[in-house]
Amino acid sequence: MKIIHAYAMRSFPPFDGLIAFETTLRHASVTRAAAELGLTQSAISHRLRKLEDFVGSPLLIRQPSGVSATAAGIALSNGLGGVLDRMVDLRALCRAAAPPSILKVGVDAALADYWLVRRLPDFSEHYPGIPVELTILQGDAQPRSADLDVAVRWLPASGFRATSTQRLLYREHVFPVCHPRLLPNRRSSYDLTLIRSLPLLHKGRAGEDSGAEWSWTTWFERLGFGRPPSAKIRFATIATAIAAALAGNGVVLARSLLVQDALKDGRLVRVLPPSWDLLSSKAQIVRWSAPMAKDHRVISFVKWVLQTAKAAGD
């Protein structure tokens, strides 16, 4: 008797098509999906067509304003997120059985360069048996694909709740800062009108909505100055925008953790008093997978980084 295993009868979807679909839908753009995956737009479109042929239904709607999902695409997206998360948990489960000695931590470049790197020696001093490998996260997909034990993510604060696999690290404030030489006559008091004469440094792409707290229009209207001058230079990331401010190129809207050390050292100064600060719509959130929740290295790092962040706000 010939036995046919059940799995031999299955027809699996094209995995490269699923990755292309998830990336395209997340960016609402074939162009940005191609850039993240290192492929051409034609290659992404080919993989999407192959996936649509497999499911027998259109998955995406292409419009001038961007790419959105059809009803079938929404259903696939809802299921796909859980599948990818379970794949990460499966890998973490295997690693938890025999964890390596190195703790792999993922964090975005700005938080790493301007805050975490300076404090990691303190972690090594308190936990000498736990070496750390720091990975810089770029884009939303990397925490899934990277081989990480802990990730610090910059995510929307609305709807956040602490669980067994995530904690709130810090809710930052946003406020303008600049090099002290741009405010040479400021002593203990603030002149709110000075900001109108300073070169404004803009973070993010033109037309990109990062939240009202990141818009110079919001700040000028709050101060009663009307609309700010048009942007002459934009910086794609907050890290490069702060670097420009440190070089004395102008005033930048910054986050409290990222400029904490520069303010303390006198490399940057506040342009407005703290009473004008705006709470960021995003927050720093520490995450780890469920199978790693009892790993002593993860427990130690999470405890340390939470205490360190709390000290920053005290």
C-alpha atoms as a PDB file:
ATOM      1  CA  MET A   1       0.000   0.000   0.000  1.00  0.00           C
ATOM      2  CA  LYS A   2       1.308   3.409  -0.972  1.00  0.00           C
ATOM      3  CA  ILE A   3       1.041   6.015   1.779  1.00  0.00           C
ATOM      4  CA  ILE A   4       0.843   9.657   0.766  1.00  0.00           C
ATOM      5  CA  HIS A   5       1.675  12.044   3.572  1.00  0.00           C
ATOM      6  CA  ALA A   6      -0.749  14.916   4.080  1.00  0.00           C
ATOM      7  CA  TYR A   7       1.936  17.533   3.662  1.00  0.00           C
ATOM      8  CA  ALA A   8       2.761  16.161   0.189  1.00  0.00           C
ATOM      9  CA  MET A   9      -0.698  17.183  -0.977  1.00  0.00           C
ATOM     10  CA  ARG A  10      -0.438  20.774   0.240  1.00  0.00           C
ATOM     11  CA  SER A  11       0.050  23.673  -2.102  1.00  0.00           C
ATOM     12  CA  PHE A  12       2.112  26.345  -0.403  1.00  0.00           C
ATOM     13  CA  PRO A  13       1.894  30.027  -1.375  1.00  0.00           C
ATOM     14  CA  PRO A  14       4.981  31.703  -2.846  1.00  0.00           C
ATOM     15  CA  PHE A  15       6.888  32.923   0.199  1.00  0.00           C
ATOM     16  CA  ASP A  16       8.669  35.661  -1.720  1.00  0.00           C
ATOM     17  CA  GLY A  17       5.243  36.938  -2.794  1.00  0.00           C
ATOM     18  CA  LEU A  18       4.052  37.052   0.812  1.00  0.00           C
ATOM     19  CA  ILE A  19       7.102  39.106   1.823  1.00  0.00           C
ATOM     20  CA  ALA A  20       6.590  41.462  -1.124  1.00  0.00           C
ATOM     21  CA  PHE A  21       2.902  41.830  -0.237  1.00  0.00           C
ATOM     22  CA  GLU A  22       3.536  42.564   3.459  1.00  0.00           C
ATOM     23  CA  THR A  23       6.268  45.101   2.670  1.00  0.00           C
ATOM     24  CA  THR A  24       4.289  46.850  -0.080  1.00  0.00           C
ATOM     25  CA  LEU A  25       1.161  47.137   2.073  1.00  0.00           C
ATOM     26  CA  ARG A  26       3.121  48.409   5.073  1.00  0.00           C
ATOM     27  CA  HIS A  27       4.744  51.166   2.999  1.00  0.00           C
ATOM     28  CA  ALA A  28       1.654  51.692   0.777  1.00  0.00           C
ATOM     29  CA  SER A  29       4.202  51.845  -2.030  1.00  0.00           C
ATOM     30  CA  VAL A  30       5.840  49.404  -4.449  1.00  0.00           C
ATOM     31  CA  THR A  31       8.783  51.790  -4.771  1.00  0.00           C
ATOM     32  CA  ARG A  32       9.510  51.841  -1.029  1.00  0.00           C
ATOM     33  CA  ALA A  33       8.989  48.075  -0.768  1.00  0.00           C
ATOM     34  CA  ALA A  34      11.550  47.571  -3.530  1.00  0.00           C
ATOM     35  CA  ALA A  35      14.007  49.846  -1.714  1.00  0.00           C
ATOM     36  CA  GLU A  36      13.619  47.974   1.599  1.00  0.00           C
ATOM     37  CA  LEU A  37      13.991  44.518   0.018  1.00  0.00           C
ATOM     38  CA  GLY A  38      16.783  45.541  -2.341  1.00  0.00           C
ATOM     39  CA  LEU A  39      14.803  44.614  -5.460  1.00  0.00           C
ATOM     40  CA  THR A  40      13.528  46.417  -8.539  1.00  0.00           C
ATOM     41  CA  GLN A  41       9.926  47.606  -8.741  1.00  0.00           C
ATOM     42  CA  SER A  42       9.436  45.130 -11.585  1.00  0.00           C
ATOM     43  CA  ALA A  43      10.577  42.252  -9.378  1.00  0.00           C
ATOM     44  CA  ILE A  44       8.165  43.299  -6.621  1.00  0.00           C
ATOM     45  CA  SER A  45       5.280  43.551  -9.100  1.00  0.00           C
ATOM     46  CA  HIS A  46       6.131  40.103 -10.491  1.00  0.00           C
ATOM     47  CA  ARG A  47       6.051  38.546  -7.009  1.00  0.00           C
ATOM     48  CA  LEU A  48       2.751  40.247  -6.223  1.00  0.00           C
ATOM     49  CA  ARG A  49       1.182  38.932  -9.438  1.00  0.00           C
ATOM     50  CA  LYS A  50       2.427  35.435  -8.622  1.00  0.00           C
ATOM     51  CA  LEU A  51       0.794  35.651  -5.182  1.00  0.00           C
ATOM     52  CA  GLU A  52      -2.475  36.989  -6.636  1.00  0.00           C
ATOM     53  CA  ASP A  53      -2.479  34.113  -9.161  1.00  0.00           C
ATOM     54  CA  PHE A  54      -2.052  31.681  -6.276  1.00  0.00           C
ATOM     55  CA  VAL A  55      -4.965  33.063  -4.217  1.00  0.00           C
ATOM     56  CA  GLY A  56      -7.075  33.686  -7.308  1.00  0.00           C
ATOM     57  CA  SER A  57      -8.021  37.230  -6.359  1.00  0.00           C
ATOM     58  CA  PRO A  58      -6.604  40.782  -6.563  1.00  0.00           C
ATOM     59  CA  LEU A  59      -4.922  41.752  -3.292  1.00  0.00           C
ATOM     60  CA  LEU A  60      -3.885  45.357  -3.846  1.00  0.00           C
ATOM     61  CA  ILE A  61      -5.407  48.500  -5.322  1.00  0.00           C
ATOM     62  CA  ARG A  62      -2.909  50.842  -6.980  1.00  0.00           C
ATOM     63  CA  GLN A  63      -3.909  54.515  -6.847  1.00  0.00           C
ATOM     64  CA  PRO A  64      -2.042  57.814  -7.322  1.00  0.00           C
ATOM     65  CA  SER A  65      -2.128  58.350  -3.559  1.00  0.00           C
ATOM     66  CA  GLY A  66      -0.571  54.940  -2.854  1.00  0.00           C
ATOM     67  CA  VAL A  67      -1.305  51.236  -2.558  1.00  0.00           C
ATOM     68  CA  SER A  68      -4.134  49.853  -0.440  1.00  0.00           C
ATOM     69  CA  ALA A  69      -5.559  46.387   0.152  1.00  0.00           C
ATOM     70  CA  THR A  70      -8.665  44.825  -1.335  1.00  0.00           C
ATOM     71  CA  ALA A  71     -11.013  42.859   0.913  1.00  0.00           C
ATOM     72  CA  ALA A  72      -9.014  39.724   0.119  1.00  0.00           C
ATOM     73  CA  GLY A  73      -5.786  41.631   0.793  1.00  0.00           C
ATOM     74  CA  ILE A  74      -7.024  42.783   4.188  1.00  0.00           C
ATOM     75  CA  ALA A  75      -7.929  39.199   5.126  1.00  0.00           C
ATOM     76  CA  LEU A  76      -4.497  37.976   4.023  1.00  0.00           C
ATOM     77  CA  SER A  77      -2.731  40.786   5.873  1.00  0.00           C
ATOM     78  CA  ASN A  78      -4.569  40.014   9.120  1.00  0.00           C
ATOM     79  CA  GLY A  79      -3.531  36.390   8.944  1.00  0.00           C
ATOM     80  CA  LEU A  80      -0.020  37.047   7.693  1.00  0.00           C
ATOM     81  CA  GLY A  81       0.994  39.219  10.643  1.00  0.00           C
ATOM     82  CA  GLY A  82       0.249  36.401  13.054  1.00  0.00           C
ATOM     83  CA  VAL A  83       2.132  33.905  10.909  1.00  0.00           C
ATOM     84  CA  LEU A  84       5.268  36.052  10.829  1.00  0.00           C
ATOM     85  CA  ASP A  85       5.085  36.632  14.580  1.00  0.00           C
ATOM     86  CA  ARG A  86       4.756  32.885  15.198  1.00  0.00           C
ATOM     87  CA  MET A  87       7.783  32.245  12.980  1.00  0.00           C
ATOM     88  CA  VAL A  88       9.819  34.614  15.159  1.00  0.00           C
ATOM     89  CA  ASP A  89       8.495  32.943  18.318  1.00  0.00           C
ATOM     90  CA  LEU A  90       9.423  29.519  16.922  1.00  0.00           C
ATOM     91  CA  ARG A  91      12.999  30.619  16.343  1.00  0.00           C
ATOM     92  CA  ALA A  92      13.151  32.218  19.777  1.00  0.00           C
ATOM     93  CA  LEU A  93      11.774  29.025  21.331  1.00  0.00           C
ATOM     94  CA  CYS A  94      14.628  27.032  19.803  1.00  0.00           C
ATOM     95  CA  ARG A  95      17.180  29.601  20.928  1.00  0.00           C
ATOM     96  CA  ALA A  96      15.744  29.708  24.451  1.00  0.00           C
ATOM     97  CA  ALA A  97      16.446  25.987  24.859  1.00  0.00           C
ATOM     98  CA  ALA A  98      20.159  26.683  24.563  1.00  0.00           C
ATOM     99  CA  PRO A  99      20.627  30.463  24.659  1.00  0.00           C
ATOM    100  CA  PRO A 100      23.931  31.895  23.423  1.00  0.00           C
ATOM    101  CA  SER A 101      25.952  33.993  25.839  1.00  0.00           C
ATOM    102  CA  ILE A 102      25.656  37.200  23.804  1.00  0.00           C
ATOM    103  CA  LEU A 103      22.533  39.303  24.316  1.00  0.00           C
ATOM    104  CA  LYS A 104      21.400  40.745  20.984  1.00  0.00           C
ATOM    105  CA  VAL A 105      19.661  44.107  21.344  1.00  0.00           C
ATOM    106  CA  GLY A 106      18.025  46.063  18.518  1.00  0.00           C
ATOM    107  CA  VAL A 107      17.502  49.826  18.715  1.00  0.00           C
ATOM    108  CA  ASP A 108      17.125  52.703  16.259  1.00  0.00           C
ATOM    109  CA  ALA A 109      20.223  54.695  15.333  1.00  0.00           C
ATOM    110  CA  ALA A 110      19.222  57.931  17.064  1.00  0.00           C
ATOM    111  CA  LEU A 111      18.542  56.357  20.464  1.00  0.00           C
ATOM    112  CA  ALA A 112      21.697  54.265  20.194  1.00  0.00           C
ATOM    113  CA  ASP A 113      24.025  57.129  19.225  1.00  0.00           C
ATOM    114  CA  TYR A 114      22.636  59.843  21.466  1.00  0.00           C
ATOM    115  CA  TRP A 115      21.587  57.897  24.577  1.00  0.00           C
ATOM    116  CA  LEU A 116      22.115  54.133  24.883  1.00  0.00           C
ATOM    117  CA  VAL A 117      25.757  53.752  23.771  1.00  0.00           C
ATOM    118  CA  ARG A 118      26.931  56.168  26.452  1.00  0.00           C
ATOM    119  CA  ARG A 119      25.172  54.106  29.129  1.00  0.00           C
ATOM    120  CA  LEU A 120      26.019  50.541  28.058  1.00  0.00           C
ATOM    121  CA  PRO A 121      29.260  50.442  30.095  1.00  0.00           C
ATOM    122  CA  ASP A 122      27.069  50.764  33.195  1.00  0.00           C
ATOM    123  CA  PHE A 123      25.180  47.625  32.139  1.00  0.00           C
ATOM    124  CA  SER A 124      28.473  45.773  31.622  1.00  0.00           C
ATOM    125  CA  GLU A 125      29.628  46.868  35.064  1.00  0.00           C
ATOM    126  CA  HIS A 126      26.469  45.554  36.733  1.00  0.00           C
ATOM    127  CA  TYR A 127      26.189  42.412  34.578  1.00  0.00           C
ATOM    128  CA  PRO A 128      29.755  41.465  33.567  1.00  0.00           C
ATOM    129  CA  GLY A 129      28.653  37.985  32.472  1.00  0.00           C
ATOM    130  CA  ILE A 130      26.282  39.273  29.779  1.00  0.00           C
ATOM    131  CA  PRO A 131      28.044  40.647  26.699  1.00  0.00           C
ATOM    132  CA  VAL A 132      25.841  42.776  24.436  1.00  0.00           C
ATOM    133  CA  GLU A 133      25.685  42.941  20.650  1.00  0.00           C
ATOM    134  CA  LEU A 134      23.915  46.107  19.497  1.00  0.00           C
ATOM    135  CA  THR A 135      22.024  46.060  16.187  1.00  0.00           C
ATOM    136  CA  ILE A 136      20.738  49.251  14.545  1.00  0.00           C
ATOM    137  CA  LEU A 137      17.145  48.859  13.385  1.00  0.00           C
ATOM    138  CA  GLN A 138      16.107  50.393  10.082  1.00  0.00           C
ATOM    139  CA  GLY A 139      12.437  50.152   9.140  1.00  0.00           C
ATOM    140  CA  ASP A 140       9.511  48.335  10.729  1.00  0.00           C
ATOM    141  CA  ALA A 141      10.271  44.903   9.304  1.00  0.00           C
ATOM    142  CA  GLN A 142      13.717  44.384  10.776  1.00  0.00           C
ATOM    143  CA  PRO A 143      12.695  43.468  14.350  1.00  0.00           C
ATOM    144  CA  ARG A 144      10.938  40.440  12.826  1.00  0.00           C
ATOM    145  CA  SER A 145      13.779  39.443  10.546  1.00  0.00           C
ATOM    146  CA  ALA A 146      16.746  40.289  12.741  1.00  0.00           C
ATOM    147  CA  ASP A 147      18.069  37.704  15.175  1.00  0.00           C
ATOM    148  CA  LEU A 148      17.284  39.731  18.303  1.00  0.00           C
ATOM    149  CA  ASP A 149      16.643  38.991  21.966  1.00  0.00           C
ATOM    150  CA  VAL A 150      15.321  42.460  22.872  1.00  0.00           C
ATOM    151  CA  ALA A 151      14.202  45.376  20.713  1.00  0.00           C
ATOM    152  CA  VAL A 152      13.582  48.993  21.726  1.00  0.00           C
ATOM    153  CA  ARG A 153      10.969  50.362  19.335  1.00  0.00           C
ATOM    154  CA  TRP A 154       9.731  53.903  18.620  1.00  0.00           C
ATOM    155  CA  LEU A 155       5.986  53.246  18.332  1.00  0.00           C
ATOM    156  CA  PRO A 156       2.642  55.075  18.651  1.00  0.00           C
ATOM    157  CA  ALA A 157       1.815  55.571  22.333  1.00  0.00           C
ATOM    158  CA  SER A 158      -1.956  55.427  21.834  1.00  0.00           C
ATOM    159  CA  GLY A 159      -3.381  52.075  22.836  1.00  0.00           C
ATOM    160  CA  PHE A 160      -0.136  50.834  24.394  1.00  0.00           C
ATOM    161  CA  ARG A 161      -0.438  48.522  27.378  1.00  0.00           C
ATOM    162  CA  ALA A 162       2.213  46.661  29.301  1.00  0.00           C
ATOM    163  CA  THR A 163       2.196  42.888  28.750  1.00  0.00           C
ATOM    164  CA  SER A 164       4.422  39.912  29.493  1.00  0.00           C
ATOM    165  CA  THR A 165       6.441  40.739  26.364  1.00  0.00           C
ATOM    166  CA  GLN A 166       6.633  44.552  26.374  1.00  0.00           C
ATOM    167  CA  ARG A 167       7.108  47.523  28.678  1.00  0.00           C
ATOM    168  CA  LEU A 168       6.988  51.283  28.257  1.00  0.00           C
ATOM    169  CA  LEU A 169      10.569  52.540  28.363  1.00  0.00           C
ATOM    170  CA  TYR A 170       9.982  56.293  28.077  1.00  0.00           C
ATOM    171  CA  ARG A 171       7.435  58.830  26.830  1.00  0.00           C
ATOM    172  CA  GLU A 172       9.568  61.655  25.487  1.00  0.00           C
ATOM    173  CA  HIS A 173       8.834  65.362  25.144  1.00  0.00           C
ATOM    174  CA  VAL A 174       9.552  67.401  22.028  1.00  0.00           C
ATOM    175  CA  PHE A 175      11.080  70.889  22.193  1.00  0.00           C
ATOM    176  CA  PRO A 176      13.418  73.162  20.199  1.00  0.00           C
ATOM    177  CA  VAL A 177      17.154  73.217  20.907  1.00  0.00           C
ATOM    178  CA  CYS A 178      20.186  74.792  19.247  1.00  0.00           C
ATOM    179  CA  HIS A 179      23.914  75.369  19.670  1.00  0.00           C
ATOM    180  CA  PRO A 180      24.627  77.894  22.484  1.00  0.00           C
ATOM    181  CA  ARG A 181      26.428  80.254  20.124  1.00  0.00           C
ATOM    182  CA  LEU A 182      23.092  80.967  18.394  1.00  0.00           C
ATOM    183  CA  LEU A 183      21.785  82.415  21.696  1.00  0.00           C
ATOM    184  CA  PRO A 184      24.872  84.305  22.919  1.00  0.00           C
ATOM    185  CA  ASN A 185      23.010  86.810  25.091  1.00  0.00           C
ATOM    186  CA  ARG A 186      20.641  84.411  26.825  1.00  0.00           C
ATOM    187  CA  ARG A 187      21.234  84.071  30.533  1.00  0.00           C
ATOM    188  CA  SER A 188      18.616  82.770  32.959  1.00  0.00           C
ATOM    189  CA  SER A 189      15.552  84.022  31.080  1.00  0.00           C
ATOM    190  CA  TYR A 190      14.101  83.106  27.689  1.00  0.00           C
ATOM    191  CA  ASP A 191      13.256  85.450  24.827  1.00  0.00           C
ATOM    192  CA  LEU A 192      10.409  83.733  22.994  1.00  0.00           C
ATOM    193  CA  THR A 193      10.840  85.955  19.940  1.00  0.00           C
ATOM    194  CA  LEU A 194      14.381  84.759  19.197  1.00  0.00           C
ATOM    195  CA  ILE A 195      13.138  81.629  17.476  1.00  0.00           C
ATOM    196  CA  ARG A 196      11.836  83.738  14.586  1.00  0.00           C
ATOM    197  CA  SER A 197      15.374  84.844  13.706  1.00  0.00           C
ATOM    198  CA  LEU A 198      16.981  81.382  13.910  1.00  0.00           C
ATOM    199  CA  PRO A 199      17.471  79.019  10.931  1.00  0.00           C
ATOM    200  CA  LEU A 200      14.923  76.204  11.256  1.00  0.00           C
ATOM    201  CA  LEU A 201      16.071  72.600  10.782  1.00  0.00           C
ATOM    202  CA  HIS A 202      13.317  70.316   9.472  1.00  0.00           C
ATOM    203  CA  LYS A 203      13.068  66.559  10.160  1.00  0.00           C
ATOM    204  CA  GLY A 204      11.316  64.185   7.746  1.00  0.00           C
ATOM    205  CA  ARG A 205      10.186  64.264   4.147  1.00  0.00           C
ATOM    206  CA  ALA A 206       8.079  67.126   2.844  1.00  0.00           C
ATOM    207  CA  GLY A 207       4.387  66.390   3.395  1.00  0.00           C
ATOM    208  CA  GLU A 208       5.123  63.557   5.822  1.00  0.00           C
ATOM    209  CA  ASP A 209       2.861  63.582   8.895  1.00  0.00           C
ATOM    210  CA  SER A 210       4.964  62.621  11.913  1.00  0.00           C
ATOM    211  CA  GLY A 211       2.636  64.291  14.403  1.00  0.00           C
ATOM    212  CA  ALA A 212       1.784  67.906  15.201  1.00  0.00           C
ATOM    213  CA  GLU A 213       4.621  68.134  17.713  1.00  0.00           C
ATOM    214  CA  TRP A 214       7.146  67.810  14.851  1.00  0.00           C
ATOM    215  CA  SER A 215       5.683  70.624  12.756  1.00  0.00           C
ATOM    216  CA  TRP A 216       7.241  74.078  12.955  1.00  0.00           C
ATOM    217  CA  THR A 217       3.832  75.438  11.955  1.00  0.00           C
ATOM    218  CA  THR A 218       2.414  74.076  15.220  1.00  0.00           C
ATOM    219  CA  TRP A 219       5.124  75.786  17.260  1.00  0.00           C
ATOM    220  CA  PHE A 220       4.901  79.144  15.475  1.00  0.00           C
ATOM    221  CA  GLU A 221       1.115  79.185  15.834  1.00  0.00           C
ATOM    222  CA  ARG A 222       1.385  78.375  19.556  1.00  0.00           C
ATOM    223  CA  LEU A 223       3.800  81.292  19.940  1.00  0.00           C
ATOM    224  CA  GLY A 224       1.506  83.580  17.963  1.00  0.00           C
ATOM    225  CA  PHE A 225       3.996  84.148  15.131  1.00  0.00           C
ATOM    226  CA  GLY A 226       1.898  82.880  12.214  1.00  0.00           C
ATOM    227  CA  ARG A 227       3.450  80.527   9.679  1.00  0.00           C
ATOM    228  CA  PRO A 228       7.188  79.714   9.773  1.00  0.00           C
ATOM    229  CA  PRO A 229       9.454  80.274   6.748  1.00  0.00           C
ATOM    230  CA  SER A 230       9.602  77.464   4.179  1.00  0.00           C
ATOM    231  CA  ALA A 231      12.124  74.699   4.724  1.00  0.00           C
ATOM    232  CA  LYS A 232      15.427  75.198   2.879  1.00  0.00           C
ATOM    233  CA  ILE A 233      17.011  71.961   4.100  1.00  0.00           C
ATOM    234  CA  ARG A 234      15.340  68.785   5.337  1.00  0.00           C
ATOM    235  CA  PHE A 235      16.903  65.833   7.120  1.00  0.00           C
ATOM    236  CA  ALA A 236      15.523  62.330   6.650  1.00  0.00           C
ATOM    237  CA  THR A 237      16.240  61.300  10.242  1.00  0.00           C
ATOM    238  CA  ILE A 238      16.191  62.913  13.666  1.00  0.00           C
ATOM    239  CA  ALA A 239      19.802  61.785  14.157  1.00  0.00           C
ATOM    240  CA  THR A 240      21.117  63.870  11.249  1.00  0.00           C
ATOM    241  CA  ALA A 241      18.904  66.817  12.218  1.00  0.00           C
ATOM    242  CA  ILE A 242      20.378  66.834  15.738  1.00  0.00           C
ATOM    243  CA  ALA A 243      23.878  66.505  14.267  1.00  0.00           C
ATOM    244  CA  ALA A 244      23.186  69.652  12.238  1.00  0.00           C
ATOM    245  CA  ALA A 245      22.055  71.475  15.392  1.00  0.00           C
ATOM    246  CA  LEU A 246      25.212  70.365  17.222  1.00  0.00           C
ATOM    247  CA  ALA A 247      27.205  71.864  14.343  1.00  0.00           C
ATOM    248  CA  GLY A 248      25.448  75.193  14.891  1.00  0.00           C
ATOM    249  CA  ASN A 249      23.394  75.080  11.697  1.00  0.00           C
ATOM    250  CA  GLY A 250      20.104  76.065  13.315  1.00  0.00           C
ATOM    251  CA  VAL A 251      17.355  75.127  15.755  1.00  0.00           C
ATOM    252  CA  VAL A 252      15.847  71.635  15.696  1.00  0.00           C
ATOM    253  CA  LEU A 253      12.804  70.020  17.282  1.00  0.00           C
ATOM    254  CA  ALA A 254      14.293  67.237  19.372  1.00  0.00           C
ATOM    255  CA  ARG A 255      13.255  64.480  21.763  1.00  0.00           C
ATOM    256  CA  SER A 256      14.172  64.669  25.434  1.00  0.00           C
ATOM    257  CA  LEU A 257      16.185  61.428  25.682  1.00  0.00           C
ATOM    258  CA  LEU A 258      18.175  62.184  22.544  1.00  0.00           C
ATOM    259  CA  VAL A 259      19.394  65.588  23.744  1.00  0.00           C
ATOM    260  CA  GLN A 260      19.592  64.874  27.466  1.00  0.00           C
ATOM    261  CA  ASP A 261      23.384  64.548  27.479  1.00  0.00           C
ATOM    262  CA  ALA A 262      23.996  67.435  25.063  1.00  0.00           C
ATOM    263  CA  LEU A 263      21.918  69.760  27.257  1.00  0.00           C
ATOM    264  CA  LYS A 264      23.733  68.619  30.389  1.00  0.00           C
ATOM    265  CA  ASP A 265      27.148  69.097  28.732  1.00  0.00           C
ATOM    266  CA  GLY A 266      26.197  72.504  27.319  1.00  0.00           C
ATOM    267  CA  ARG A 267      26.602  71.404  23.691  1.00  0.00           C
ATOM    268  CA  LEU A 268      22.938  72.327  23.100  1.00  0.00           C
ATOM    269  CA  VAL A 269      20.577  74.727  24.878  1.00  0.00           C
ATOM    270  CA  ARG A 270      16.807  75.054  25.054  1.00  0.00           C
ATOM    271  CA  VAL A 271      15.272  77.831  22.984  1.00  0.00           C
ATOM    272  CA  LEU A 272      11.990  77.869  24.942  1.00  0.00           C
ATOM    273  CA  PRO A 273      11.277  77.132  28.617  1.00  0.00           C
ATOM    274  CA  PRO A 274      10.158  73.577  29.535  1.00  0.00           C
ATOM    275  CA  SER A 275       6.567  74.764  29.999  1.00  0.00           C
ATOM    276  CA  TRP A 276       6.311  74.883  26.187  1.00  0.00           C
ATOM    277  CA  ASP A 277       7.294  71.211  25.702  1.00  0.00           C
ATOM    278  CA  LEU A 278       4.916  68.944  23.788  1.00  0.00           C
ATOM    279  CA  LEU A 279       4.418  65.266  24.654  1.00  0.00           C
ATOM    280  CA  SER A 280       5.443  63.010  21.787  1.00  0.00           C
ATOM    281  CA  SER A 281       2.704  60.956  20.130  1.00  0.00           C
ATOM    282  CA  LYS A 282       5.163  58.035  20.047  1.00  0.00           C
ATOM    283  CA  ALA A 283       7.003  56.301  22.855  1.00  0.00           C
ATOM    284  CA  GLN A 284      10.064  54.125  23.393  1.00  0.00           C
ATOM    285  CA  ILE A 285       8.813  50.572  24.004  1.00  0.00           C
ATOM    286  CA  VAL A 286      10.917  47.554  24.993  1.00  0.00           C
ATOM    287  CA  ARG A 287       9.818  44.257  23.432  1.00  0.00           C
ATOM    288  CA  TRP A 288      10.911  40.625  23.504  1.00  0.00           C
ATOM    289  CA  SER A 289       9.355  37.347  22.346  1.00  0.00           C
ATOM    290  CA  ALA A 290       7.346  35.163  24.723  1.00  0.00           C
ATOM    291  CA  PRO A 291       9.840  32.242  24.714  1.00  0.00           C
ATOM    292  CA  MET A 292      12.592  34.640  25.875  1.00  0.00           C
ATOM    293  CA  ALA A 293      10.554  36.052  28.771  1.00  0.00           C
ATOM    294  CA  LYS A 294      12.333  33.851  31.329  1.00  0.00           C
ATOM    295  CA  ASP A 295      15.807  34.225  29.873  1.00  0.00           C
ATOM    296  CA  HIS A 296      18.002  35.731  32.590  1.00  0.00           C
ATOM    297  CA  ARG A 297      19.854  37.935  30.098  1.00  0.00           C
ATOM    298  CA  VAL A 298      16.619  39.459  28.819  1.00  0.00           C
ATOM    299  CA  ILE A 299      15.282  39.932  32.347  1.00  0.00           C
ATOM    300  CA  SER A 300      18.518  41.651  33.425  1.00  0.00           C
ATOM    301  CA  PHE A 301      18.685  43.981  30.435  1.00  0.00           C
ATOM    302  CA  VAL A 302      15.025  44.994  30.594  1.00  0.00           C
ATOM    303  CA  LYS A 303      15.299  45.702  34.316  1.00  0.00           C
ATOM    304  CA  TRP A 304      18.444  47.784  33.773  1.00  0.00           C
ATOM    305  CA  VAL A 305      17.193  49.805  30.793  1.00  0.00           C
ATOM    306  CA  LEU A 306      13.880  50.596  32.528  1.00  0.00           C
ATOM    307  CA  GLN A 307      15.722  51.832  35.623  1.00  0.00           C
ATOM    308  CA  THR A 308      18.115  53.855  33.483  1.00  0.00           C
ATOM    309  CA  ALA A 309      15.280  55.519  31.582  1.00  0.00           C
ATOM    310  CA  LYS A 310      13.428  56.256  34.817  1.00  0.00           C
ATOM    311  CA  ALA A 311      16.541  57.971  36.180  1.00  0.00           C
ATOM    312  CA  ALA A 312      16.590  60.141  33.056  1.00  0.00           C
ATOM    313  CA  GLY A 313      13.184  61.525  33.939  1.00  0.00           C
ATOM    314  CA  ASP A 314      13.808  62.001  37.652  1.00  0.00           C
END
